[in-house]
Amino acid sequence: MTPTLLDTVEAVDKVFLYIFGISLVLFLLITGVMVAFAIRFHHSRHPHPKDVPSTCLWLEITWTLIPTLIVMSMFWYGWQGYLSLVNVPPDAFPIQAVARQWSWSFVYPSGRTSPKLVVPAEQPVRIDIVSEDVLHSLYIPAFRIKKDAVPGMTTHVWFRAPQTGSFDLFCTEYCGLAHASMITSVEVLSAADFKTWLQTPQLAAGAGKGRQLLEQYGCLACHSLDGGTRIGPSFAKLAEGEKRPLAEGPDKSVTVSRDYLERSILDPGNEIVQGFSAVMPSYRDKIGEQDLQAIIDFLLQPDKDAAAGEPRP
């Protein structure tokens, strides 16, 4: 049983099935013995108690030795599975996962970013996980991996997808109000398709660039482009000169402008739109001036939902 030859699914499933099998056998055995004893030693058959020996050496050795061997075998299988999870194959493709409230962003060695985890099939992938704010946890049930994203340190997991397809990716550590919305997917492509996707240049200007940046910084996890209700105000029909009511009171409002949008991104806790809460973190130290202006240009586009975005896998 060589740890590096086991995929994460094999490593976890073998241990789970082994422990579950032993537990099932013990459950049936203990239940069967309990029922048999209840019948055999029923009061109607044995109305008077019998003398019981004070000790039985072979029985004491048996019920000590067998559980010890069972527990040690569970430990051995668990340890082998653990080694498979932590020993990353040397040919694993490196990707960085960036967690933030409340979205994921994946950064590739070429500098390309994606809101979805795009990986090649049948090749090991190493995910280095970082957090920009609070504690998160990356969980991909299809590949049996889960790892915390801890502020101030880098953690990692690896897996190998045996076939193409789309699989769920969740955050499983409560990280704030929109924790349940911190969901994306793993898109597994063939080796050829992944190479093509990786080499396809991302948009560098125009509305497509603005949408790409919204995805990269996780804005679309809380704000919709089509008027849908999310944790933050929708970007739909956001136009210069529009009046937006504020949470301060019915007579308080703000006029949409470039300055207002810039303030809302850098200091989001000041002018809260009516019906929403001050939960958005500041991007003052997270976003460059060029990206900030590109996002504002996009937000002031008349038809943002139809604007071109980057090619999807």
C-alpha atoms as a PDB file:
ATOM      1  CA  MET A   1       0.000   0.000   0.000  1.00  0.00           C
ATOM      2  CA  THR A   2       2.079   2.936  -1.274  1.00  0.00           C
ATOM      3  CA  PRO A   3       0.614   6.291  -0.133  1.00  0.00           C
ATOM      4  CA  THR A   4       1.739   8.261  -3.187  1.00  0.00           C
ATOM      5  CA  LEU A   5      -0.056   5.803  -5.509  1.00  0.00           C
ATOM      6  CA  LEU A   6      -3.430   6.395  -3.856  1.00  0.00           C
ATOM      7  CA  ASP A   7      -5.743   9.190  -4.978  1.00  0.00           C
ATOM      8  CA  THR A   8      -7.525  11.174  -2.285  1.00  0.00           C
ATOM      9  CA  VAL A   9     -10.821   9.427  -3.046  1.00  0.00           C
ATOM     10  CA  GLU A  10      -9.243   5.976  -2.662  1.00  0.00           C
ATOM     11  CA  ALA A  11      -7.413   6.963   0.507  1.00  0.00           C
ATOM     12  CA  VAL A  12     -10.518   8.291   2.253  1.00  0.00           C
ATOM     13  CA  ASP A  13     -13.007   5.717   0.971  1.00  0.00           C
ATOM     14  CA  LYS A  14     -10.869   2.712   1.950  1.00  0.00           C
ATOM     15  CA  VAL A  15     -10.521   3.910   5.522  1.00  0.00           C
ATOM     16  CA  PHE A  16     -14.203   4.821   5.745  1.00  0.00           C
ATOM     17  CA  LEU A  17     -15.390   1.475   4.401  1.00  0.00           C
ATOM     18  CA  TYR A  18     -12.980  -0.445   6.642  1.00  0.00           C
ATOM     19  CA  ILE A  19     -14.110   1.330   9.818  1.00  0.00           C
ATOM     20  CA  PHE A  20     -17.762   1.175   8.766  1.00  0.00           C
ATOM     21  CA  GLY A  21     -17.458  -2.562   8.059  1.00  0.00           C
ATOM     22  CA  ILE A  22     -15.920  -3.294  11.456  1.00  0.00           C
ATOM     23  CA  SER A  23     -18.535  -1.132  13.182  1.00  0.00           C
ATOM     24  CA  LEU A  24     -21.329  -2.967  11.370  1.00  0.00           C
ATOM     25  CA  VAL A  25     -19.942  -6.393  12.330  1.00  0.00           C
ATOM     26  CA  LEU A  26     -19.548  -5.333  15.976  1.00  0.00           C
ATOM     27  CA  PHE A  27     -23.061  -3.897  16.014  1.00  0.00           C
ATOM     28  CA  LEU A  28     -24.571  -7.115  14.681  1.00  0.00           C
ATOM     29  CA  LEU A  29     -22.412  -9.287  16.953  1.00  0.00           C
ATOM     30  CA  ILE A  30     -23.143  -7.333  20.139  1.00  0.00           C
ATOM     31  CA  THR A  31     -26.844  -7.084  19.328  1.00  0.00           C
ATOM     32  CA  GLY A  32     -27.023 -10.809  18.549  1.00  0.00           C
ATOM     33  CA  VAL A  33     -25.249 -11.799  21.770  1.00  0.00           C
ATOM     34  CA  MET A  34     -27.463  -9.450  23.772  1.00  0.00           C
ATOM     35  CA  VAL A  35     -30.644 -10.981  22.299  1.00  0.00           C
ATOM     36  CA  ALA A  36     -29.322 -14.536  22.773  1.00  0.00           C
ATOM     37  CA  PHE A  37     -28.462 -13.873  26.408  1.00  0.00           C
ATOM     38  CA  ALA A  38     -31.830 -12.259  27.053  1.00  0.00           C
ATOM     39  CA  ILE A  39     -33.562 -15.392  25.738  1.00  0.00           C
ATOM     40  CA  ARG A  40     -31.257 -17.971  27.287  1.00  0.00           C
ATOM     41  CA  PHE A  41     -31.106 -16.429  30.727  1.00  0.00           C
ATOM     42  CA  HIS A  42     -34.706 -15.273  30.926  1.00  0.00           C
ATOM     43  CA  HIS A  43     -36.212 -15.329  34.412  1.00  0.00           C
ATOM     44  CA  SER A  44     -38.750 -18.003  33.409  1.00  0.00           C
ATOM     45  CA  ARG A  45     -35.908 -20.393  32.525  1.00  0.00           C
ATOM     46  CA  HIS A  46     -33.616 -19.528  35.404  1.00  0.00           C
ATOM     47  CA  PRO A  47     -35.720 -18.321  38.323  1.00  0.00           C
ATOM     48  CA  HIS A  48     -32.788 -18.634  40.702  1.00  0.00           C
ATOM     49  CA  PRO A  49     -29.340 -17.111  40.205  1.00  0.00           C
ATOM     50  CA  LYS A  50     -26.387 -19.408  39.714  1.00  0.00           C
ATOM     51  CA  ASP A  51     -22.876 -19.096  41.005  1.00  0.00           C
ATOM     52  CA  VAL A  52     -20.611 -17.120  38.647  1.00  0.00           C
ATOM     53  CA  PRO A  53     -16.826 -17.604  38.678  1.00  0.00           C
ATOM     54  CA  SER A  54     -14.949 -14.558  39.915  1.00  0.00           C
ATOM     55  CA  THR A  55     -12.491 -14.645  37.022  1.00  0.00           C
ATOM     56  CA  CYS A  56     -12.044 -16.086  33.521  1.00  0.00           C
ATOM     57  CA  LEU A  57      -8.556 -15.556  32.181  1.00  0.00           C
ATOM     58  CA  TRP A  58      -9.165 -16.614  28.560  1.00  0.00           C
ATOM     59  CA  LEU A  59     -12.216 -14.331  28.316  1.00  0.00           C
ATOM     60  CA  GLU A  60     -10.330 -11.338  29.737  1.00  0.00           C
ATOM     61  CA  ILE A  61      -7.438 -11.910  27.318  1.00  0.00           C
ATOM     62  CA  THR A  62      -9.837 -12.271  24.400  1.00  0.00           C
ATOM     63  CA  TRP A  63     -11.829  -9.088  25.024  1.00  0.00           C
ATOM     64  CA  THR A  64      -8.606  -7.160  25.566  1.00  0.00           C
ATOM     65  CA  LEU A  65      -6.609  -8.531  22.641  1.00  0.00           C
ATOM     66  CA  ILE A  66      -9.268  -8.420  19.905  1.00  0.00           C
ATOM     67  CA  PRO A  67     -10.339  -4.754  20.460  1.00  0.00           C
ATOM     68  CA  THR A  68      -6.659  -3.763  20.654  1.00  0.00           C
ATOM     69  CA  LEU A  69      -5.944  -5.408  17.284  1.00  0.00           C
ATOM     70  CA  ILE A  70      -9.040  -3.806  15.767  1.00  0.00           C
ATOM     71  CA  VAL A  71      -8.109  -0.318  16.987  1.00  0.00           C
ATOM     72  CA  MET A  72      -4.478  -0.736  15.834  1.00  0.00           C
ATOM     73  CA  SER A  73      -5.630  -1.851  12.378  1.00  0.00           C
ATOM     74  CA  MET A  74      -7.896   1.218  12.154  1.00  0.00           C
ATOM     75  CA  PHE A  75      -4.960   3.411  13.101  1.00  0.00           C
ATOM     76  CA  TRP A  76      -2.737   1.776  10.478  1.00  0.00           C
ATOM     77  CA  TYR A  77      -5.277   2.244   7.684  1.00  0.00           C
ATOM     78  CA  GLY A  78      -5.958   5.796   8.842  1.00  0.00           C
ATOM     79  CA  TRP A  79      -2.255   6.621   8.931  1.00  0.00           C
ATOM     80  CA  GLN A  80      -1.721   5.262   5.414  1.00  0.00           C
ATOM     81  CA  GLY A  81      -4.685   7.311   4.198  1.00  0.00           C
ATOM     82  CA  TYR A  82      -3.354  10.419   5.936  1.00  0.00           C
ATOM     83  CA  LEU A  83       0.033  10.004   4.235  1.00  0.00           C
ATOM     84  CA  SER A  84      -1.738   9.782   0.893  1.00  0.00           C
ATOM     85  CA  LEU A  85      -3.499  13.082   1.582  1.00  0.00           C
ATOM     86  CA  VAL A  86      -0.407  15.028   2.688  1.00  0.00           C
ATOM     87  CA  ASN A  87       2.207  13.599   0.280  1.00  0.00           C
ATOM     88  CA  VAL A  88       1.715  15.674  -2.853  1.00  0.00           C
ATOM     89  CA  PRO A  89       2.919  14.004  -6.073  1.00  0.00           C
ATOM     90  CA  PRO A  90       5.961  15.836  -7.489  1.00  0.00           C
ATOM     91  CA  ASP A  91       4.271  16.350 -10.863  1.00  0.00           C
ATOM     92  CA  ALA A  92       1.203  18.084  -9.358  1.00  0.00           C
ATOM     93  CA  PHE A  93       0.056  21.226 -11.178  1.00  0.00           C
ATOM     94  CA  PRO A  94       0.156  24.211  -8.751  1.00  0.00           C
ATOM     95  CA  ILE A  95      -2.844  26.535  -8.300  1.00  0.00           C
ATOM     96  CA  GLN A  96      -3.445  29.124  -5.597  1.00  0.00           C
ATOM     97  CA  ALA A  97      -6.910  29.405  -4.008  1.00  0.00           C
ATOM     98  CA  VAL A  98      -7.690  32.819  -2.515  1.00  0.00           C
ATOM     99  CA  ALA A  99     -10.599  32.910  -0.038  1.00  0.00           C
ATOM    100  CA  ARG A 100     -12.391  36.084   0.941  1.00  0.00           C
ATOM    101  CA  GLN A 101     -15.806  37.103   2.203  1.00  0.00           C
ATOM    102  CA  TRP A 102     -17.639  35.616   0.321  1.00  0.00           C
ATOM    103  CA  SER A 103     -16.045  34.179  -2.791  1.00  0.00           C
ATOM    104  CA  TRP A 104     -13.179  32.111  -4.154  1.00  0.00           C
ATOM    105  CA  SER A 105     -10.558  33.159  -6.679  1.00  0.00           C
ATOM    106  CA  PHE A 106      -8.041  30.807  -8.262  1.00  0.00           C
ATOM    107  CA  VAL A 107      -4.670  32.017  -9.516  1.00  0.00           C
ATOM    108  CA  TYR A 108      -2.587  30.028 -12.022  1.00  0.00           C
ATOM    109  CA  PRO A 109       1.204  30.085 -12.536  1.00  0.00           C
ATOM    110  CA  SER A 110       0.765  32.165 -15.707  1.00  0.00           C
ATOM    111  CA  GLY A 111      -1.076  34.836 -13.705  1.00  0.00           C
ATOM    112  CA  ARG A 112      -4.496  33.920 -15.048  1.00  0.00           C
ATOM    113  CA  THR A 113      -7.324  34.083 -12.528  1.00  0.00           C
ATOM    114  CA  SER A 114     -10.716  32.407 -12.449  1.00  0.00           C
ATOM    115  CA  PRO A 115     -13.727  32.392 -10.092  1.00  0.00           C
ATOM    116  CA  LYS A 116     -13.995  28.645 -10.782  1.00  0.00           C
ATOM    117  CA  LEU A 117     -11.336  26.016 -10.159  1.00  0.00           C
ATOM    118  CA  VAL A 118     -10.411  24.760 -13.631  1.00  0.00           C
ATOM    119  CA  VAL A 119      -8.175  21.665 -13.621  1.00  0.00           C
ATOM    120  CA  PRO A 120      -6.993  19.014 -16.075  1.00  0.00           C
ATOM    121  CA  ALA A 121      -8.327  15.470 -15.864  1.00  0.00           C
ATOM    122  CA  GLU A 122      -6.049  12.602 -14.802  1.00  0.00           C
ATOM    123  CA  GLN A 123      -3.296  14.924 -13.531  1.00  0.00           C
ATOM    124  CA  PRO A 124      -2.491  15.680  -9.875  1.00  0.00           C
ATOM    125  CA  VAL A 125      -3.315  19.237  -8.832  1.00  0.00           C
ATOM    126  CA  ARG A 126      -1.898  21.002  -5.768  1.00  0.00           C
ATOM    127  CA  ILE A 127      -4.046  23.780  -4.271  1.00  0.00           C
ATOM    128  CA  ASP A 128      -2.242  26.315  -2.059  1.00  0.00           C
ATOM    129  CA  ILE A 129      -4.917  28.005   0.042  1.00  0.00           C
ATOM    130  CA  VAL A 130      -4.750  31.522   1.515  1.00  0.00           C
ATOM    131  CA  SER A 131      -7.333  33.783   3.155  1.00  0.00           C
ATOM    132  CA  GLU A 132      -7.582  37.558   2.808  1.00  0.00           C
ATOM    133  CA  ASP A 133      -9.753  38.098   5.877  1.00  0.00           C
ATOM    134  CA  VAL A 134     -11.272  35.445   8.164  1.00  0.00           C
ATOM    135  CA  LEU A 135     -11.150  31.684   8.532  1.00  0.00           C
ATOM    136  CA  HIS A 136     -12.606  29.777   5.568  1.00  0.00           C
ATOM    137  CA  SER A 137     -12.478  26.122   4.539  1.00  0.00           C
ATOM    138  CA  LEU A 138     -12.166  24.681   1.045  1.00  0.00           C
ATOM    139  CA  TYR A 139     -14.269  21.550   0.590  1.00  0.00           C
ATOM    140  CA  ILE A 140     -14.685  19.464  -2.577  1.00  0.00           C
ATOM    141  CA  PRO A 141     -16.793  16.424  -1.615  1.00  0.00           C
ATOM    142  CA  ALA A 142     -16.351  14.673  -4.971  1.00  0.00           C
ATOM    143  CA  PHE A 143     -12.601  14.386  -4.310  1.00  0.00           C
ATOM    144  CA  ARG A 144     -12.841  13.931  -0.510  1.00  0.00           C
ATOM    145  CA  ILE A 145     -10.713  16.958   0.326  1.00  0.00           C
ATOM    146  CA  LYS A 146     -11.260  19.667   2.938  1.00  0.00           C
ATOM    147  CA  LYS A 147      -8.743  22.181   4.230  1.00  0.00           C
ATOM    148  CA  ASP A 148      -8.991  25.403   6.220  1.00  0.00           C
ATOM    149  CA  ALA A 149      -7.924  28.733   4.740  1.00  0.00           C
ATOM    150  CA  VAL A 150      -6.196  30.412   7.685  1.00  0.00           C
ATOM    151  CA  PRO A 151      -5.362  34.146   7.689  1.00  0.00           C
ATOM    152  CA  GLY A 152      -1.621  34.713   7.750  1.00  0.00           C
ATOM    153  CA  MET A 153      -0.564  31.255   6.579  1.00  0.00           C
ATOM    154  CA  THR A 154      -0.720  28.988   3.534  1.00  0.00           C
ATOM    155  CA  THR A 155      -2.268  25.534   3.657  1.00  0.00           C
ATOM    156  CA  HIS A 156      -2.517  23.020   0.832  1.00  0.00           C
ATOM    157  CA  VAL A 157      -4.391  20.013  -0.501  1.00  0.00           C
ATOM    158  CA  TRP A 158      -4.073  17.928  -3.634  1.00  0.00           C
ATOM    159  CA  PHE A 159      -6.325  15.711  -5.707  1.00  0.00           C
ATOM    160  CA  ARG A 160      -6.579  14.025  -9.080  1.00  0.00           C
ATOM    161  CA  ALA A 161      -9.816  14.162 -11.090  1.00  0.00           C
ATOM    162  CA  PRO A 162     -10.265  10.885 -13.001  1.00  0.00           C
ATOM    163  CA  GLN A 163     -12.664  12.287 -15.595  1.00  0.00           C
ATOM    164  CA  THR A 164     -14.065  15.516 -17.004  1.00  0.00           C
ATOM    165  CA  GLY A 165     -17.115  17.144 -15.479  1.00  0.00           C
ATOM    166  CA  SER A 166     -18.342  19.816 -13.093  1.00  0.00           C
ATOM    167  CA  PHE A 167     -18.194  19.350  -9.315  1.00  0.00           C
ATOM    168  CA  ASP A 168     -19.299  21.478  -6.353  1.00  0.00           C
ATOM    169  CA  LEU A 169     -16.852  23.441  -4.216  1.00  0.00           C
ATOM    170  CA  PHE A 170     -17.993  24.872  -0.870  1.00  0.00           C
ATOM    171  CA  CYS A 171     -16.747  26.863   2.085  1.00  0.00           C
ATOM    172  CA  THR A 172     -17.467  24.757   5.181  1.00  0.00           C
ATOM    173  CA  GLU A 173     -16.306  27.182   7.880  1.00  0.00           C
ATOM    174  CA  TYR A 174     -18.856  29.799   8.933  1.00  0.00           C
ATOM    175  CA  CYS A 175     -17.319  33.061   7.729  1.00  0.00           C
ATOM    176  CA  GLY A 176     -20.063  35.644   8.060  1.00  0.00           C
ATOM    177  CA  LEU A 177     -23.464  36.660   6.791  1.00  0.00           C
ATOM    178  CA  ALA A 178     -23.151  35.289   3.222  1.00  0.00           C
ATOM    179  CA  HIS A 179     -21.265  32.111   4.124  1.00  0.00           C
ATOM    180  CA  ALA A 180     -23.920  29.948   2.457  1.00  0.00           C
ATOM    181  CA  SER A 181     -23.368  31.809  -0.835  1.00  0.00           C
ATOM    182  CA  MET A 182     -19.630  31.067  -0.936  1.00  0.00           C
ATOM    183  CA  ILE A 183     -20.084  28.347  -3.535  1.00  0.00           C
ATOM    184  CA  THR A 184     -18.331  27.751  -6.845  1.00  0.00           C
ATOM    185  CA  SER A 185     -17.379  24.698  -8.907  1.00  0.00           C
ATOM    186  CA  VAL A 186     -14.479  22.583 -10.080  1.00  0.00           C
ATOM    187  CA  GLU A 187     -14.431  22.386 -13.869  1.00  0.00           C
ATOM    188  CA  VAL A 188     -12.427  19.362 -14.992  1.00  0.00           C
ATOM    189  CA  LEU A 189     -11.286  19.599 -18.619  1.00  0.00           C
ATOM    190  CA  SER A 190      -9.383  17.194 -20.820  1.00  0.00           C
ATOM    191  CA  ALA A 191      -5.638  17.799 -20.979  1.00  0.00           C
ATOM    192  CA  ALA A 192      -5.920  19.397 -24.415  1.00  0.00           C
ATOM    193  CA  ASP A 193      -8.865  21.612 -23.469  1.00  0.00           C
ATOM    194  CA  PHE A 194      -7.163  22.700 -20.249  1.00  0.00           C
ATOM    195  CA  LYS A 195      -4.013  23.665 -22.126  1.00  0.00           C
ATOM    196  CA  THR A 196      -6.091  25.696 -24.568  1.00  0.00           C
ATOM    197  CA  TRP A 197      -8.016  27.374 -21.735  1.00  0.00           C
ATOM    198  CA  LEU A 198      -4.829  28.172 -19.846  1.00  0.00           C
ATOM    199  CA  GLN A 199      -3.215  29.746 -22.917  1.00  0.00           C
ATOM    200  CA  THR A 200      -6.283  31.772 -23.904  1.00  0.00           C
ATOM    201  CA  PRO A 201      -5.496  35.399 -22.990  1.00  0.00           C
ATOM    202  CA  GLN A 202      -7.857  37.114 -20.604  1.00  0.00           C
ATOM    203  CA  LEU A 203      -9.553  40.277 -21.742  1.00  0.00           C
ATOM    204  CA  ALA A 204      -7.361  43.325 -21.204  1.00  0.00           C
ATOM    205  CA  ALA A 205      -9.751  46.234 -21.754  1.00  0.00           C
ATOM    206  CA  GLY A 206     -13.362  47.272 -22.144  1.00  0.00           C
ATOM    207  CA  ALA A 207     -16.502  46.005 -20.432  1.00  0.00           C
ATOM    208  CA  GLY A 208     -15.233  42.441 -20.439  1.00  0.00           C
ATOM    209  CA  LYS A 209     -12.237  43.482 -18.373  1.00  0.00           C
ATOM    210  CA  GLY A 210     -14.497  45.156 -15.824  1.00  0.00           C
ATOM    211  CA  ARG A 211     -16.638  42.045 -15.406  1.00  0.00           C
ATOM    212  CA  GLN A 212     -13.526  39.905 -15.152  1.00  0.00           C
ATOM    213  CA  LEU A 213     -12.271  42.114 -12.316  1.00  0.00           C
ATOM    214  CA  LEU A 214     -15.610  41.883 -10.507  1.00  0.00           C
ATOM    215  CA  GLU A 215     -15.282  38.103 -10.584  1.00  0.00           C
ATOM    216  CA  GLN A 216     -11.621  38.222  -9.591  1.00  0.00           C
ATOM    217  CA  TYR A 217     -12.289  40.376  -6.518  1.00  0.00           C
ATOM    218  CA  GLY A 218     -15.381  38.396  -5.557  1.00  0.00           C
ATOM    219  CA  CYS A 219     -17.867  41.247  -6.057  1.00  0.00           C
ATOM    220  CA  LEU A 220     -20.418  39.113  -7.898  1.00  0.00           C
ATOM    221  CA  ALA A 221     -20.821  36.842  -4.896  1.00  0.00           C
ATOM    222  CA  CYS A 222     -22.787  39.633  -3.186  1.00  0.00           C
ATOM    223  CA  HIS A 223     -23.969  41.881  -6.053  1.00  0.00           C
ATOM    224  CA  SER A 224     -25.994  40.734  -9.060  1.00  0.00           C
ATOM    225  CA  LEU A 225     -25.872  42.114 -12.589  1.00  0.00           C
ATOM    226  CA  ASP A 226     -29.460  41.238 -13.487  1.00  0.00           C
ATOM    227  CA  GLY A 227     -31.389  42.816 -10.625  1.00  0.00           C
ATOM    228  CA  GLY A 228     -31.491  39.651  -8.524  1.00  0.00           C
ATOM    229  CA  THR A 229     -31.554  39.892  -4.734  1.00  0.00           C
ATOM    230  CA  ARG A 230     -28.307  39.166  -2.956  1.00  0.00           C
ATOM    231  CA  ILE A 231     -26.561  40.340   0.183  1.00  0.00           C
ATOM    232  CA  GLY A 232     -25.578  43.631  -1.491  1.00  0.00           C
ATOM    233  CA  PRO A 233     -27.366  46.055  -3.867  1.00  0.00           C
ATOM    234  CA  SER A 234     -27.646  44.940  -7.480  1.00  0.00           C
ATOM    235  CA  PHE A 235     -25.443  46.542 -10.122  1.00  0.00           C
ATOM    236  CA  ALA A 236     -28.292  46.407 -12.637  1.00  0.00           C
ATOM    237  CA  LYS A 237     -29.426  49.795 -14.018  1.00  0.00           C
ATOM    238  CA  LEU A 238     -26.707  51.529 -12.036  1.00  0.00           C
ATOM    239  CA  ALA A 239     -26.300  54.788 -13.948  1.00  0.00           C
ATOM    240  CA  GLU A 240     -24.636  58.122 -13.290  1.00  0.00           C
ATOM    241  CA  GLY A 241     -27.096  60.609 -11.799  1.00  0.00           C
ATOM    242  CA  GLU A 242     -29.414  57.958 -10.331  1.00  0.00           C
ATOM    243  CA  LYS A 243     -30.671  58.593  -6.786  1.00  0.00           C
ATOM    244  CA  ARG A 244     -30.287  55.794  -4.287  1.00  0.00           C
ATOM    245  CA  PRO A 245     -32.011  55.941  -0.861  1.00  0.00           C
ATOM    246  CA  LEU A 246     -29.770  55.429   2.134  1.00  0.00           C
ATOM    247  CA  ALA A 247     -30.346  53.415   5.293  1.00  0.00           C
ATOM    248  CA  GLU A 248     -29.981  56.598   7.404  1.00  0.00           C
ATOM    249  CA  GLY A 249     -33.607  57.555   6.756  1.00  0.00           C
ATOM    250  CA  PRO A 250     -36.341  58.010   4.118  1.00  0.00           C
ATOM    251  CA  ASP A 251     -35.183  61.544   3.290  1.00  0.00           C
ATOM    252  CA  LYS A 252     -31.537  60.549   2.859  1.00  0.00           C
ATOM    253  CA  SER A 253     -30.208  59.614  -0.575  1.00  0.00           C
ATOM    254  CA  VAL A 254     -27.032  59.680  -2.618  1.00  0.00           C
ATOM    255  CA  THR A 255     -26.423  60.440  -6.288  1.00  0.00           C
ATOM    256  CA  VAL A 256     -24.585  57.769  -8.240  1.00  0.00           C
ATOM    257  CA  SER A 257     -21.303  59.101  -9.606  1.00  0.00           C
ATOM    258  CA  ARG A 258     -17.749  57.968 -10.089  1.00  0.00           C
ATOM    259  CA  ASP A 259     -16.817  59.468  -6.722  1.00  0.00           C
ATOM    260  CA  TYR A 260     -19.709  57.669  -5.007  1.00  0.00           C
ATOM    261  CA  LEU A 261     -18.743  54.310  -6.524  1.00  0.00           C
ATOM    262  CA  GLU A 262     -15.123  54.824  -5.526  1.00  0.00           C
ATOM    263  CA  ARG A 263     -16.153  55.650  -1.949  1.00  0.00           C
ATOM    264  CA  SER A 264     -18.434  52.615  -1.869  1.00  0.00           C
ATOM    265  CA  ILE A 265     -15.554  50.319  -2.829  1.00  0.00           C
ATOM    266  CA  LEU A 266     -12.846  51.832  -0.647  1.00  0.00           C
ATOM    267  CA  ASP A 267     -15.020  52.823   2.363  1.00  0.00           C
ATOM    268  CA  PRO A 268     -18.197  50.724   2.046  1.00  0.00           C
ATOM    269  CA  GLY A 269     -19.389  51.292   5.603  1.00  0.00           C
ATOM    270  CA  ASN A 270     -20.319  54.956   5.202  1.00  0.00           C
ATOM    271  CA  GLU A 271     -23.182  55.290   2.698  1.00  0.00           C
ATOM    272  CA  ILE A 272     -25.302  52.146   3.103  1.00  0.00           C
ATOM    273  CA  VAL A 273     -28.108  51.675   0.601  1.00  0.00           C
ATOM    274  CA  GLN A 274     -31.540  51.301   2.154  1.00  0.00           C
ATOM    275  CA  GLY A 275     -32.460  47.678   2.881  1.00  0.00           C
ATOM    276  CA  PHE A 276     -28.881  46.434   3.245  1.00  0.00           C
ATOM    277  CA  SER A 277     -26.359  46.050   6.068  1.00  0.00           C
ATOM    278  CA  ALA A 278     -22.800  47.279   6.494  1.00  0.00           C
ATOM    279  CA  VAL A 279     -21.105  43.912   5.950  1.00  0.00           C
ATOM    280  CA  MET A 280     -18.833  44.631   2.973  1.00  0.00           C
ATOM    281  CA  PRO A 281     -15.089  44.736   3.773  1.00  0.00           C
ATOM    282  CA  SER A 282     -12.987  47.644   2.570  1.00  0.00           C
ATOM    283  CA  TYR A 283     -10.950  47.163  -0.606  1.00  0.00           C
ATOM    284  CA  ARG A 284      -8.660  50.126   0.063  1.00  0.00           C
ATOM    285  CA  ASP A 285      -5.580  47.942   0.476  1.00  0.00           C
ATOM    286  CA  LYS A 286      -6.720  45.186  -1.893  1.00  0.00           C
ATOM    287  CA  ILE A 287      -7.307  46.887  -5.226  1.00  0.00           C
ATOM    288  CA  GLY A 288      -5.042  48.987  -7.446  1.00  0.00           C
ATOM    289  CA  GLU A 289      -6.074  52.289  -8.992  1.00  0.00           C
ATOM    290  CA  GLN A 290      -6.159  50.886 -12.530  1.00  0.00           C
ATOM    291  CA  ASP A 291      -8.419  47.992 -11.552  1.00  0.00           C
ATOM    292  CA  LEU A 292     -10.609  50.341  -9.496  1.00  0.00           C
ATOM    293  CA  GLN A 293     -11.231  52.644 -12.460  1.00  0.00           C
ATOM    294  CA  ALA A 294     -11.875  49.695 -14.794  1.00  0.00           C
ATOM    295  CA  ILE A 295     -14.531  48.379 -12.410  1.00  0.00           C
ATOM    296  CA  ILE A 296     -16.195  51.801 -12.152  1.00  0.00           C
ATOM    297  CA  ASP A 297     -16.201  52.113 -15.952  1.00  0.00           C
ATOM    298  CA  PHE A 298     -17.966  48.765 -16.158  1.00  0.00           C
ATOM    299  CA  LEU A 299     -20.511  49.604 -13.442  1.00  0.00           C
ATOM    300  CA  LEU A 300     -21.566  52.718 -15.341  1.00  0.00           C
ATOM    301  CA  GLN A 301     -22.134  50.754 -18.562  1.00  0.00           C
ATOM    302  CA  PRO A 302     -25.821  50.850 -19.597  1.00  0.00           C
ATOM    303  CA  ASP A 303     -26.076  47.099 -20.296  1.00  0.00           C
ATOM    304  CA  LYS A 304     -23.736  45.375 -17.875  1.00  0.00           C
ATOM    305  CA  ASP A 305     -25.410  41.964 -17.879  1.00  0.00           C
ATOM    306  CA  ALA A 306     -24.922  41.633 -21.633  1.00  0.00           C
ATOM    307  CA  ALA A 307     -21.327  42.875 -21.581  1.00  0.00           C
ATOM    308  CA  ALA A 308     -18.776  40.435 -22.880  1.00  0.00           C
ATOM    309  CA  GLY A 309     -17.010  38.320 -20.299  1.00  0.00           C
ATOM    310  CA  GLU A 310     -14.048  36.007 -20.446  1.00  0.00           C
ATOM    311  CA  PRO A 311     -14.564  32.614 -22.116  1.00  0.00           C
ATOM    312  CA  ARG A 312     -16.009  30.024 -19.738  1.00  0.00           C
ATOM    313  CA  PRO A 313     -14.750  26.427 -19.568  1.00  0.00           C
END
